[in-house]
PDB file of N, CA and C in Angstrom:
ATOM      1  N   MET A   1       7.862 -10.471  -7.296  1.00  0.00           N
ATOM      2  CA  MET A   1       6.436 -10.097  -7.388  1.00  0.00           C
ATOM      3  C   MET A   1       5.437 -10.944  -5.275  1.00  0.00           C
ATOM      4  N   TYR A   2       4.941 -10.050  -4.940  1.00  0.00           N
ATOM      5  CA  TYR A   2       4.106 -10.418  -3.816  1.00  0.00           C
ATOM      6  C   TYR A   2       2.905 -10.020  -3.986  1.00  0.00           C
ATOM      7  N   ALA A   3       2.055 -10.687  -3.656  1.00  0.00           N
ATOM      8  CA  ALA A   3       0.505 -10.460  -4.023  1.00  0.00           C
ATOM      9  C   ALA A   3      -0.574 -10.938  -2.276  1.00  0.00           C
ATOM     10  N   ASN A   4      -1.084  -9.613  -2.013  1.00  0.00           N
ATOM     11  CA  ASN A   4      -1.818 -10.077  -1.387  1.00  0.00           C
ATOM     12  C   ASN A   4      -3.131  -9.575  -1.410  1.00  0.00           C
ATOM     13  N   ASP A   5      -3.833 -10.844  -0.317  1.00  0.00           N
ATOM     14  CA  ASP A   5      -5.838 -10.502  -1.059  1.00  0.00           C
ATOM     15  C   ASP A   5      -5.785  -9.808  -0.099  1.00  0.00           C
ATOM     16  N   PHE A   6      -6.958  -8.861   0.286  1.00  0.00           N
ATOM     17  CA  PHE A   6      -8.018  -8.701   1.265  1.00  0.00           C
ATOM     18  C   PHE A   6      -9.103  -9.031   1.261  1.00  0.00           C
ATOM     19  N   SER A   7      -9.679  -9.621   0.785  1.00  0.00           N
ATOM     20  CA  SER A   7     -11.320  -9.916   0.110  1.00  0.00           C
ATOM     21  C   SER A   7     -11.901 -10.528   1.222  1.00  0.00           C
ATOM     22  N   GLY A   8     -10.970 -11.218   1.733  1.00  0.00           N
ATOM     23  CA  GLY A   8     -11.619 -12.365   3.332  1.00  0.00           C
ATOM     24  C   GLY A   8     -11.858 -11.617   4.144  1.00  0.00           C
ATOM     25  N   ILE A   9     -11.479 -10.045   4.231  1.00  0.00           N
ATOM     26  CA  ILE A   9     -11.480  -8.923   5.697  1.00  0.00           C
ATOM     27  C   ILE A   9     -12.433  -8.020   5.476  1.00  0.00           C
ATOM     28  N   GLN A  10     -13.474  -8.464   6.187  1.00  0.00           N
ATOM     29  CA  GLN A  10     -14.755  -8.102   6.503  1.00  0.00           C
ATOM     30  C   GLN A  10     -14.580  -6.548   7.275  1.00  0.00           C
ATOM     31  N   ILE A  11     -13.372  -7.097   9.385  1.00  0.00           N
ATOM     32  CA  ILE A  11     -13.546  -4.980   9.523  1.00  0.00           C
ATOM     33  C   ILE A  11     -11.974  -5.362   9.715  1.00  0.00           C
ATOM     34  N   ILE A  12     -11.653  -3.959   9.607  1.00  0.00           N
ATOM     35  CA  ILE A  12     -10.548  -4.270   9.678  1.00  0.00           C
ATOM     36  C   ILE A  12      -9.853  -2.748  10.022  1.00  0.00           C
ATOM     37  N   ASP A  13      -9.518  -2.569  11.349  1.00  0.00           N
ATOM     38  CA  ASP A  13      -8.649  -1.296  12.201  1.00  0.00           C
ATOM     39  C   ASP A  13      -7.875  -0.727  11.504  1.00  0.00           C
ATOM     40  N   SER A  14      -7.645   0.544  12.023  1.00  0.00           N
ATOM     41  CA  SER A  14      -6.701   1.033  11.566  1.00  0.00           C
ATOM     42  C   SER A  14      -5.179   0.870  11.888  1.00  0.00           C
ATOM     43  N   PHE A  15      -4.965   0.382  12.591  1.00  0.00           N
ATOM     44  CA  PHE A  15      -3.293  -0.312  13.282  1.00  0.00           C
ATOM     45  C   PHE A  15      -3.320  -1.373  12.533  1.00  0.00           C
ATOM     46  N   VAL A  16      -4.070  -2.243  12.172  1.00  0.00           N
ATOM     47  CA  VAL A  16      -3.569  -3.121  11.339  1.00  0.00           C
ATOM     48  C   VAL A  16      -3.720  -2.309   9.446  1.00  0.00           C
ATOM     49  N   THR A  17      -4.508  -1.782   9.057  1.00  0.00           N
ATOM     50  CA  THR A  17      -4.150  -1.549   7.966  1.00  0.00           C
ATOM     51  C   THR A  17      -2.990  -0.818   8.057  1.00  0.00           C
ATOM     52  N   HIS A  18      -2.914  -0.062   9.210  1.00  0.00           N
ATOM     53  CA  HIS A  18      -1.521   1.017   8.467  1.00  0.00           C
ATOM     54  C   HIS A  18      -0.154  -0.047   8.390  1.00  0.00           C
ATOM     55  N   HIS A  19       0.170  -1.357   9.166  1.00  0.00           N
ATOM     56  CA  HIS A  19       0.440  -2.455   9.329  1.00  0.00           C
ATOM     57  C   HIS A  19       0.729  -2.841   7.759  1.00  0.00           C
ATOM     58  N   LEU A  20      -0.410  -3.231   7.497  1.00  0.00           N
ATOM     59  CA  LEU A  20      -0.455  -4.063   5.920  1.00  0.00           C
ATOM     60  C   LEU A  20       0.635  -3.146   4.665  1.00  0.00           C
ATOM     61  N   PHE A  21      -0.105  -1.524   4.726  1.00  0.00           N
ATOM     62  CA  PHE A  21       0.235  -0.571   3.856  1.00  0.00           C
ATOM     63  C   PHE A  21       1.727  -1.260   4.182  1.00  0.00           C
ATOM     64  N   GLN A  22       2.910  -0.558   5.670  1.00  0.00           N
ATOM     65  CA  GLN A  22       4.183  -0.389   5.493  1.00  0.00           C
ATOM     66  C   GLN A  22       4.207  -1.807   4.824  1.00  0.00           C
ATOM     67  N   ILE A  23       3.975  -2.805   5.561  1.00  0.00           N
ATOM     68  CA  ILE A  23       4.842  -3.611   4.660  1.00  0.00           C
ATOM     69  C   ILE A  23       4.756  -3.552   2.568  1.00  0.00           C
ATOM     70  N   THR A  24       4.011  -3.512   3.001  1.00  0.00           N
ATOM     71  CA  THR A  24       3.635  -3.063   1.210  1.00  0.00           C
ATOM     72  C   THR A  24       4.983  -1.977   1.073  1.00  0.00           C
ATOM     73  N   ALA A  25       4.559  -0.975   1.583  1.00  0.00           N
ATOM     74  CA  ALA A  25       5.776   0.078   1.057  1.00  0.00           C
ATOM     75  C   ALA A  25       7.616  -0.125   1.254  1.00  0.00           C
ATOM     76  N   MET A  26       7.874  -0.950   2.371  1.00  0.00           N
ATOM     77  CA  MET A  26       8.798  -1.975   2.735  1.00  0.00           C
ATOM     78  C   MET A  26       9.546  -2.949   1.255  1.00  0.00           C
ATOM     79  N   LEU A  27       8.102  -3.606   0.915  1.00  0.00           N
ATOM     80  CA  LEU A  27       8.824  -4.677  -0.047  1.00  0.00           C
ATOM     81  C   LEU A  27       9.224  -3.520  -1.114  1.00  0.00           C
ATOM     82  N   ARG A  28       8.239  -2.651  -1.800  1.00  0.00           N
ATOM     83  CA  ARG A  28       9.011  -1.833  -2.653  1.00  0.00           C
ATOM     84  C   ARG A  28      10.485  -1.219  -2.891  1.00  0.00           C
ATOM     85  N   LEU A  29      11.009  -0.948  -1.183  1.00  0.00           N
ATOM     86  CA  LEU A  29      11.614  -0.390  -0.918  1.00  0.00           C
ATOM     87  C   LEU A  29      12.689  -1.269  -1.560  1.00  0.00           C
ATOM     88  N   LEU A  30      12.731  -2.453  -1.347  1.00  0.00           N
ATOM     89  CA  LEU A  30      13.325  -3.603  -1.597  1.00  0.00           C
ATOM     90  C   LEU A  30      13.414  -4.285  -3.348  1.00  0.00           C
ATOM     91  N   GLY A  31      12.405  -3.326  -3.609  1.00  0.00           N
ATOM     92  CA  GLY A  31      12.743  -4.118  -5.530  1.00  0.00           C
ATOM     93  C   GLY A  31      11.583  -4.871  -5.577  1.00  0.00           C
ATOM     94  N   ILE A  32      10.566  -5.073  -4.413  1.00  0.00           N
ATOM     95  CA  ILE A  32       9.312  -5.997  -5.112  1.00  0.00           C
ATOM     96  C   ILE A  32       8.206  -5.398  -4.879  1.00  0.00           C
ATOM     97  N   GLU A  33       7.342  -5.554  -6.041  1.00  0.00           N
ATOM     98  CA  GLU A  33       6.490  -5.713  -6.505  1.00  0.00           C
ATOM     99  C   GLU A  33       5.517  -6.081  -5.960  1.00  0.00           C
ATOM    100  N   ALA A  34       4.319  -4.797  -5.196  1.00  0.00           N
ATOM    101  CA  ALA A  34       3.654  -6.245  -4.212  1.00  0.00           C
ATOM    102  C   ALA A  34       2.021  -5.598  -5.217  1.00  0.00           C
ATOM    103  N   ILE A  35       1.249  -6.682  -5.222  1.00  0.00           N
ATOM    104  CA  ILE A  35       0.143  -6.285  -6.102  1.00  0.00           C
ATOM    105  C   ILE A  35      -0.919  -6.929  -4.823  1.00  0.00           C
ATOM    106  N   ILE A  36      -2.285  -6.042  -4.792  1.00  0.00           N
ATOM    107  CA  ILE A  36      -3.001  -5.920  -3.809  1.00  0.00           C
ATOM    108  C   ILE A  36      -4.814  -6.466  -4.105  1.00  0.00           C
ATOM    109  N   THR A  37      -5.253  -7.460  -3.438  1.00  0.00           N
ATOM    110  CA  THR A  37      -6.254  -7.308  -4.977  1.00  0.00           C
ATOM    111  C   THR A  37      -7.913  -7.503  -3.691  1.00  0.00           C
ATOM    112  N   GLY A  38      -8.876  -6.913  -4.125  1.00  0.00           N
ATOM    113  CA  GLY A  38      -9.957  -7.250  -2.777  1.00  0.00           C
ATOM    114  C   GLY A  38      -9.981  -5.990  -2.037  1.00  0.00           C
ATOM    115  N   ILE A  39      -9.983  -4.791  -1.896  1.00  0.00           N
ATOM    116  CA  ILE A  39      -9.197  -4.022  -1.270  1.00  0.00           C
ATOM    117  C   ILE A  39     -11.275  -3.501  -1.433  1.00  0.00           C
ATOM    118  N   ARG A  40     -11.869  -4.084   0.020  1.00  0.00           N
ATOM    119  CA  ARG A  40     -13.313  -3.755   0.256  1.00  0.00           C
ATOM    120  C   ARG A  40     -13.121  -1.764   0.695  1.00  0.00           C
ATOM    121  N   PRO A  41     -14.800  -1.263   0.093  1.00  0.00           N
ATOM    122  CA  PRO A  41     -14.443   0.381   0.340  1.00  0.00           C
ATOM    123  C   PRO A  41     -13.783   0.492   1.801  1.00  0.00           C
ATOM    124  N   ALA A  42     -14.780  -0.374   3.092  1.00  0.00           N
ATOM    125  CA  ALA A  42     -13.914   0.260   3.791  1.00  0.00           C
ATOM    126  C   ALA A  42     -12.960   0.586   4.309  1.00  0.00           C
ATOM    127  N   LEU A  43     -11.838  -0.751   4.087  1.00  0.00           N
ATOM    128  CA  LEU A  43     -10.493  -0.234   4.112  1.00  0.00           C
ATOM    129  C   LEU A  43     -10.014   0.678   2.900  1.00  0.00           C
ATOM    130  N   ALA A  44     -10.135   0.464   2.307  1.00  0.00           N
ATOM    131  CA  ALA A  44      -9.756   1.659   0.957  1.00  0.00           C
ATOM    132  C   ALA A  44     -10.093   2.994   2.165  1.00  0.00           C
ATOM    133  N   GLU A  45     -11.739   3.670   2.186  1.00  0.00           N
ATOM    134  CA  GLU A  45     -11.500   4.294   3.201  1.00  0.00           C
ATOM    135  C   GLU A  45     -10.524   4.907   4.507  1.00  0.00           C
ATOM    136  N   THR A  46      -9.821   3.994   5.466  1.00  0.00           N
ATOM    137  CA  THR A  46      -9.817   3.570   6.708  1.00  0.00           C
ATOM    138  C   THR A  46      -7.922   4.169   6.023  1.00  0.00           C
ATOM    139  N   ALA A  47      -7.723   3.447   4.787  1.00  0.00           N
ATOM    140  CA  ALA A  47      -6.369   3.923   4.586  1.00  0.00           C
ATOM    141  C   ALA A  47      -6.215   5.448   3.731  1.00  0.00           C
ATOM    142  N   VAL A  48      -7.431   5.336   3.716  1.00  0.00           N
ATOM    143  CA  VAL A  48      -7.165   6.995   2.996  1.00  0.00           C
ATOM    144  C   VAL A  48      -7.503   7.947   4.451  1.00  0.00           C
ATOM    145  N   ARG A  49      -8.013   7.679   5.468  1.00  0.00           N
ATOM    146  CA  ARG A  49      -8.075   8.419   6.525  1.00  0.00           C
ATOM    147  C   ARG A  49      -6.476   8.250   7.441  1.00  0.00           C
ATOM    148  N   LEU A  50      -6.112   7.612   7.025  1.00  0.00           N
ATOM    149  CA  LEU A  50      -4.962   7.346   7.413  1.00  0.00           C
ATOM    150  C   LEU A  50      -3.636   7.718   6.900  1.00  0.00           C
ATOM    151  N   GLY A  51      -3.558   8.449   5.745  1.00  0.00           N
ATOM    152  CA  GLY A  51      -2.915   8.969   4.597  1.00  0.00           C
ATOM    153  C   GLY A  51      -1.777   8.096   3.463  1.00  0.00           C
ATOM    154  N   ILE A  52      -2.341   7.020   3.441  1.00  0.00           N
ATOM    155  CA  ILE A  52      -1.934   5.836   2.821  1.00  0.00           C
ATOM    156  C   ILE A  52      -2.594   6.260   0.934  1.00  0.00           C
ATOM    157  N   ASN A  53      -1.352   7.261   0.099  1.00  0.00           N
ATOM    158  CA  ASN A  53      -1.695   6.733  -1.404  1.00  0.00           C
ATOM    159  C   ASN A  53      -1.975   5.596  -1.674  1.00  0.00           C
ATOM    160  N   LEU A  54      -3.283   5.223  -2.027  1.00  0.00           N
ATOM    161  CA  LEU A  54      -3.621   4.211  -2.706  1.00  0.00           C
ATOM    162  C   LEU A  54      -2.880   3.804  -4.237  1.00  0.00           C
ATOM    163  N   SER A  55      -2.787   5.277  -5.081  1.00  0.00           N
ATOM    164  CA  SER A  55      -3.140   5.233  -6.364  1.00  0.00           C
ATOM    165  C   SER A  55      -1.372   4.638  -6.647  1.00  0.00           C
ATOM    166  N   ASP A  56      -0.391   4.526  -5.634  1.00  0.00           N
ATOM    167  CA  ASP A  56       0.732   4.304  -5.703  1.00  0.00           C
ATOM    168  C   ASP A  56       1.081   2.710  -5.882  1.00  0.00           C
ATOM    169  N   LEU A  57      -0.075   2.099  -5.186  1.00  0.00           N
ATOM    170  CA  LEU A  57      -0.251   0.294  -5.419  1.00  0.00           C
ATOM    171  C   LEU A  57      -1.000  -0.003  -6.466  1.00  0.00           C
ATOM    172  N   LYS A  58      -0.486  -0.940  -7.046  1.00  0.00           N
ATOM    173  CA  LYS A  58      -1.203  -2.021  -8.225  1.00  0.00           C
ATOM    174  C   LYS A  58      -2.451  -2.760  -7.868  1.00  0.00           C
ATOM    175  N   THR A  59      -3.469  -3.143  -8.323  1.00  0.00           N
ATOM    176  CA  THR A  59      -4.723  -3.389  -7.163  1.00  0.00           C
ATOM    177  C   THR A  59      -5.256  -3.460  -8.503  1.00  0.00           C
ATOM    178  N   PHE A  60      -5.855  -4.803  -8.048  1.00  0.00           N
ATOM    179  CA  PHE A  60      -7.129  -5.351  -8.760  1.00  0.00           C
ATOM    180  C   PHE A  60      -8.271  -5.955  -8.467  1.00  0.00           C
ATOM    181  N   ALA A  61      -9.731  -6.446  -8.403  1.00  0.00           N
ATOM    182  CA  ALA A  61     -10.638  -5.951  -8.003  1.00  0.00           C
ATOM    183  C   ALA A  61     -10.707  -7.799  -6.992  1.00  0.00           C
ATOM    184  N   THR A  62     -10.160  -9.004  -8.007  1.00  0.00           N
ATOM    185  CA  THR A  62      -9.898 -10.262  -7.937  1.00  0.00           C
ATOM    186  C   THR A  62      -8.661 -10.561  -8.145  1.00  0.00           C
ATOM    187  N   VAL A  63      -8.403 -11.557  -7.227  1.00  0.00           N
ATOM    188  CA  VAL A  63      -6.990 -12.596  -7.596  1.00  0.00           C
ATOM    189  C   VAL A  63      -7.323 -13.156  -8.828  1.00  0.00           C
ATOM    190  N   GLN A  64      -7.812 -13.780  -9.522  1.00  0.00           N
ATOM    191  CA  GLN A  64      -8.259 -14.112 -10.947  1.00  0.00           C
ATOM    192  C   GLN A  64      -7.520 -12.522 -12.081  1.00  0.00           C
ATOM    193  N   GLN A  65      -7.317 -12.134 -11.418  1.00  0.00           N
ATOM    194  CA  GLN A  65      -7.719 -10.222 -12.086  1.00  0.00           C
ATOM    195  C   GLN A  65      -5.889 -10.568 -11.830  1.00  0.00           C
ATOM    196  N   ALA A  66      -5.628 -10.116 -11.387  1.00  0.00           N
ATOM    197  CA  ALA A  66      -4.328  -9.890 -10.846  1.00  0.00           C
ATOM    198  C   ALA A  66      -3.379 -11.152 -11.214  1.00  0.00           C
ATOM    199  N   LEU A  67      -3.763 -12.359 -11.425  1.00  0.00           N
ATOM    200  CA  LEU A  67      -3.167 -13.649 -11.859  1.00  0.00           C
ATOM    201  C   LEU A  67      -3.009 -13.934 -13.636  1.00  0.00           C
ATOM    202  N   GLU A  68      -4.564 -12.924 -14.154  1.00  0.00           N
ATOM    203  CA  GLU A  68      -3.852 -13.270 -15.517  1.00  0.00           C
ATOM    204  C   GLU A  68      -2.809 -11.763 -15.814  1.00  0.00           C
ATOM    205  N   SER A  69      -3.039 -10.743 -15.094  1.00  0.00           N
ATOM    206  CA  SER A  69      -1.761  -9.523 -15.466  1.00  0.00           C
ATOM    207  C   SER A  69      -0.389 -10.221 -15.277  1.00  0.00           C
ATOM    208  N   ILE A  70       0.056 -10.641 -14.356  1.00  0.00           N
ATOM    209  CA  ILE A  70       1.109 -11.847 -13.811  1.00  0.00           C
ATOM    210  C   ILE A  70       1.169 -12.287 -15.259  1.00  0.00           C
ATOM    211  N   GLU A  71       0.230 -12.976 -15.676  1.00  0.00           N
ATOM    212  CA  GLU A  71       0.940 -14.161 -16.788  1.00  0.00           C
ATOM    213  C   GLU A  71       1.110 -13.649 -18.005  1.00  0.00           C
ATOM    214  N   HIS A  72      -0.276 -12.511 -18.262  1.00  0.00           N
ATOM    215  CA  HIS A  72       0.256 -11.873 -19.535  1.00  0.00           C
ATOM    216  C   HIS A  72       1.887 -10.653 -19.291  1.00  0.00           C
ATOM    217  N   LYS A  73       2.190  -9.909 -18.197  1.00  0.00           N
ATOM    218  CA  LYS A  73       2.958  -9.737 -17.847  1.00  0.00           C
ATOM    219  C   LYS A  73       4.414 -10.449 -18.379  1.00  0.00           C
ATOM    220  N   ALA A  74       4.187 -11.652 -17.530  1.00  0.00           N
ATOM    221  CA  ALA A  74       5.900 -12.950 -18.032  1.00  0.00           C
ATOM    222  C   ALA A  74       5.706 -13.213 -19.603  1.00  0.00           C
ATOM    223  N   SER A  75       4.625 -13.783 -20.452  1.00  0.00           N
ATOM    224  CA  SER A  75       4.553 -13.886 -21.471  1.00  0.00           C
ATOM    225  C   SER A  75       5.516 -12.956 -22.644  1.00  0.00           C
ATOM    226  N   ALA A  76       4.736 -11.699 -22.079  1.00  0.00           N
ATOM    227  CA  ALA A  76       5.501 -10.263 -22.657  1.00  0.00           C
ATOM    228  C   ALA A  76       6.838 -10.225 -22.574  1.00  0.00           C
ATOM    229  N   GLN A  77       7.695 -10.606 -21.670  1.00  0.00           N
ATOM    230  CA  GLN A  77       9.386 -10.450 -21.207  1.00  0.00           C
ATOM    231  C   GLN A  77       9.776 -11.952 -22.056  1.00  0.00           C
ATOM    232  N   GLY A  78       8.970 -12.852 -21.918  1.00  0.00           N
ATOM    233  CA  GLY A  78       9.623 -13.633 -22.405  1.00  0.00           C
ATOM    234  C   GLY A  78       9.611 -15.205 -23.170  1.00  0.00           C
TER     235      GLY A  78
END
């Protein structure tokens, strides 16, 4: 599992957005579940403009929510 937090990013250009989501797609191909947290509206808008399908991503508003989800999943498996 891989988590990436975008909450500290105020401004992002299309080049960086494209590469960040390419990394997430590559991880998925390797069987690694990627979790994205803190996507601001401007980042989501840029991603959509680039044709990136955000519905394929597991997203959370905060890192805390992501950690709780991971913990819940681990306890359910174990």
